[in-house]
Every structure is written in C-alpha cells, then in structure tokens.
C-alpha cells in the first residue's frame, strides 16, 4: 500500500512537470512570435535609417572640420548677421511710415517730416544693403573653402545672395520701399498744384479798350503762408529730382491764370495775319488798343508774375525762377503782342502807316525800362530778339516813309487835278501829317526815331532837319497847287479849285506848329488868294447871269404890250438857258469846307436872286397869262434860291480809306505810293 501510495505521488509530480513544461513551451512560443513580429516591423525603420544616413553624415560634417575653422566661422557669421539684422529692422520701419503719408493737406509740416524720415531710411537701406550682401558673400566663400556645408545648401545660399545683389541696381533700389516714396511724392505734387490753383484768382477785367482805373490794379500775390508751403514742398521735391515737374505745374497754373485775366480784353486781333490786312486803317483801332493792352500786361500782369516767381523759386537760383517766368510770359501773350507789331510793319505801305509806326515805337519806348528789367535775363532771349527785331523794323519803316514823303509829293505834280475842283486827298493828308508830325505828341517820337536811324548809319541828326523837311513838304504842296491850277481847261473850275485849296491851307495850318513856322505873312497871302479866286469865280460865272435880265428897251418901249411880252420872253429864255447850262456844269463841283461853301453859295444867291425877283415882279405878269408861260417863267424865286443854295455839296465817300490801292513798282519795298492813292479818288 505504501509503494502504491508512493507510485501515485510520483505520477502526480510528473503530470505537474509536464504541465509546467507545456506552459513554459507555450510562453517561449509566444515570445518567439512577438520577437518575429518586432523584427518584421524593424525592417522598414532600418531602411529609413539607411536612407537618412548620408544627410546625417553631411550634417555632422562640420564636426569633423578643422577646429580652428569652426572657431573662425562664428565671427564671420556674426559680422554678416549684424548688418543684415539692421537692414531688416529699417525695412520694417519704412513700411511703418506708410500710415503717416496719407494726405499732405491735413498736416503739411508733419507730412514733410515723415517724408524726410522715409528718405533717410531708404538712403540707409541703399547704403547698407550692399554691406550686408558683402558680408554674406564672405561667409559663403569661407564655408565653401573650408568644406563646412554641403554643395546643395551652398548653391541655394548663393542664389539668394545673387538676387539681393541684383536688387542694388538703380531701378530695383527704387522699389526697396514697394513704391511708397513715389506715391508720397506724387501726393506732394498734387498738393503743390492744389495750393497754386486755389489761390490763383484771375483779375476781373472789362472789355473796354480804355482800362482806366483798372490799369492800376495788380492781381493779388499769393499769401505769404502759401508761398512758404510751396517753398517747403519744392525743397523736398527738388531733393528727389522732381523740380522740373514742379516748374511745369507752376507754369501751367499761373499761365492759365494770366490768360484768364486777359481773356475779357478780346485780344483776338493779335492773331491777324498779313493776308487779312486790307490796309493799316482797317486795324487802326486795334493798334491803339495794342498799346494800352501791352502796357497793362507788362506793368501789372507780367510784373506780378515776375515778383511771384522770384518769391517762390528764389532759393533755387536766378536761372530757375527767371526760366519759370520766361515760360509764363511766352505762353500768355507777350510773343503774340510782339508778333502783331511785326505784322503791322510787314503790311503794305500806306500814308497813315507812318503815324501808326510811331505809335508802336512810343508804346515800346515807354515800356523800355520794364522790358529790360523783366525780360533782360538769358532765359528770355527769344523775347529779347523779337523785341529788338520789332524796334528795328519800326524805326526803319518810319524813317523810310518820312524821308520819301517829299519825293512822293513831288511825283503827284505830274497827275491831273480833281475834276470836281475839290481839295486833293494828297493835300488833305499831307497838311494833316505835317501838323501831327510837328505836334507835341509825335514830334519828340519822330525826332528820336530819326536820331536812332541816323546813328545806325553813323550820321548826325539835328531837330532842325525835321523842321526843314516838313517845311519843304509844304512848299512842294504849294508848287503842286500852282501846277494843278494851270492844268484846268475850264478857267472857272480852275478858280474854284484855287479858292478851295488856298483856303484849305489857310484853315488847316493856322494856329498849328507848322503855321507858327510859316508866319503870319504866309497866311495873309493865302487868305488873299482865296478871296481873289472866289471873286474871279463869281464874276466869270454866276455874276454874268443878271446881264440876261436887262430892262433896256422895256421902259421906253412904245410898240405895245405884245411887243414888250416878246422881248421879256426872249430875255427870260436866254437867262434860263444860261442858268441851266451853268447849274448843270457846276452841280458836280465841290467846295468841301462848309463855311466856305455857305459863303460862296450866299454870294451867288445875292448876285442872282434879287435881280431875278425884281425882274419877275416887274415883267412876270406879261408872260404869266400866256399859254406857254412855263417855258419862260421856269423857276420861282424860292426854287431858284434853293437850287443855288444846294450847290457844291461833297459827294459821299470822298474821304474813304485807301483800301485796295496799288503800289508803284518803285516803292513796293517801303514807300507809300501817294501818286496812285490820289489818282484813284480825284
């Protein structure tokens, strides 16, 4: 039993051992499976480690570099990082200024201050970007030489540094701020224009050619505060090479303002071309306006612009502000004023042109000091040249016409006198000319013109030469009248012509400067000639009519009433025929002076009408009862008086202008052809 019991115990131990062994085997199997699974997962990781091993090797390569090279690399890197960090800091500050550069109108001083800081920052960037790039180049070179970085990394760094270096060109540097500076400067130019435009007010003008009190009103200059703002803006824009743009804006705005001031004056006449000229008389009124308008423009408008240009641009030098002013003057009309004067000098010659040229010279001479001061600078060379050319043309033209007047008067002697006994236009013009040329208005001007003209030829001139020449012209007129008086075939018309012209000389020269030189005896002589020729004219024409109304044979006639009637009819018939013939012939004749005409007509009436009235009162009844009485009692006393009182009236248009008259070949280049002028109207 005991052995059986020991056998059971031994069996149980074996079973437990087997169970333990099974568990151990099962655990080992599970661990093997886990290890296999772990090994399976570790495979890809090992592959990844194998792939990354080269880059890790490159990363740790500097560790294998020379120790001294590694130590020196720190200094190179620090030197490169310092400038680069400063550049980045300033670059950030630049973009921080953008909000402060919104509108200069609100706070111009603040805007300019911020703009100046922006300019300084951009200057710093421009100066230091190059330094930073240089240090980056150095560190790249060091890393490459000491094999402290892989090739791809160095290649990327080199590409970046190359891009920075290219940004240092002028065009690229301007974009360092992303266009912020240009935008700010554009706004500043806009503010410059706004200030000018809002404070440039045209001068209120009147279209009347007589400027009157307006001539003393100058357009108000810009307020001092505005001028200071403009100067401050110009200073900043000039620093950024935008001064020329500002000058263009200034010239544009101020020129527009001056043109607006002149617009009301109606200066269209300044654009008249030579083909549009009929003669000088057609623009005579424009020439008078031209002098007043030019004086106003120079003394007030251009004077104001001259001062304002100096005030605004003085800090930038004489050449700048004078150049600015010259552009304003040229664009607002001074050249057009000078061109108009030149056009007058180039027009065809006409007697009145001498006086008009003297008017132009007087206007220019009056403004001589103003022209020299305003337009004397190098910038106004075009205005100076045009002015000198105009003055020379005026002086040459006036002198030429004056010295040829005597020749022209003498040439007139060869033409026939007026067929109506009138005063020739030549005589009217020349007497008026002589009066004006020696008058207080024109004599000083003509003296100065002739003096200058002679000086150009290195010849002397004295005032007595002018006086002598005018007196010679008057003497030539007298010789012409003497010749023309003898040229009439009709002696009665010759007497009428002589009466008209002697009276014209007497009346139109009496009490004038020319008359004072001629003396009282000269006037008495012409007055006597006038009376003499009037008496001869009356005696040889109308004075013969009363002889046809003789009473001879009628008082003592004893042949009866019928015979007396026949004798009265015969004498009235002869009177009517003589009256009709004389009235018809003289109805086209002219006595231009109203006082002389009234006087001579009154003398004719007194010579004829009283005799006719008495005769008709005495013998009219003899024919009035006859059936044919209208043939003999043809005129009533009233009709006869009215007809005689209406004689010698001037014809309409007698004193018209010289429009359309031709010039002789001899004087095509400068001398008025008075010969053709007169023959066209006599």
Foldseek 3Di string as FASTA:
>chain_A
DVVVVVVVVVVVVVVVVVVVVVVVVVVVVVVVVVVVVVVVVCVVVVVVCVVCVVVVCQQCVLVVFDPVLVVVLVVLVVQLVVLVVVLVVLLVVLVVLLVVLDACVVPVVSNLVSLVVNVVSLVSNLVSLVVSLVSLVVSLVSCVVRVNHDPVVSVVSVVVSVVSVVCNDPVNSCCSNPCSNVVSLVNLLVVLLVLLQVQLAADDAALDLCRPPVLVDAPDAGDPVSLVSLQSSLVVCVVVVCNVVSLVSNLVRLLVRLLVNCVNNPPPLLPDAQVNDLACVVCVVVLVSLLSVVSSCLPHVLVSLLVNLCSNCVVVDDVVSLLSSLSSCVSNDLVSSLVSLVRLLPHFDDLCSLVSLLSVLVSCVVCVVSCCVNQVDPSNVVSVVSSVVSNVSSLVQNVVQLVCLLVLLLVLLPDADDPQLADFVNLVSLLVVLLVCPDPPNVVSNQVSVQVVQVVVVHHDDSVVVVVSSVSSVVSNVVSLVSNLVRDPDVLSSLSNLLQSLVCNLVSLPPGPNVVVVDPVSSVVSVVSNVVSLVVNCCVALLCLLVLLDCPCVVPPDPDLVVSLVSLQVSLLVSVVSVVVRLVSQQSHARADPVVLQVSLVVSLVSPLVSVVVSCVVCVVSLPVPPPSCSRPVDDSVRVSVSSNPTRHDDPPLPPGQGPFDADPVQRPHYHNVSSSRVVRD
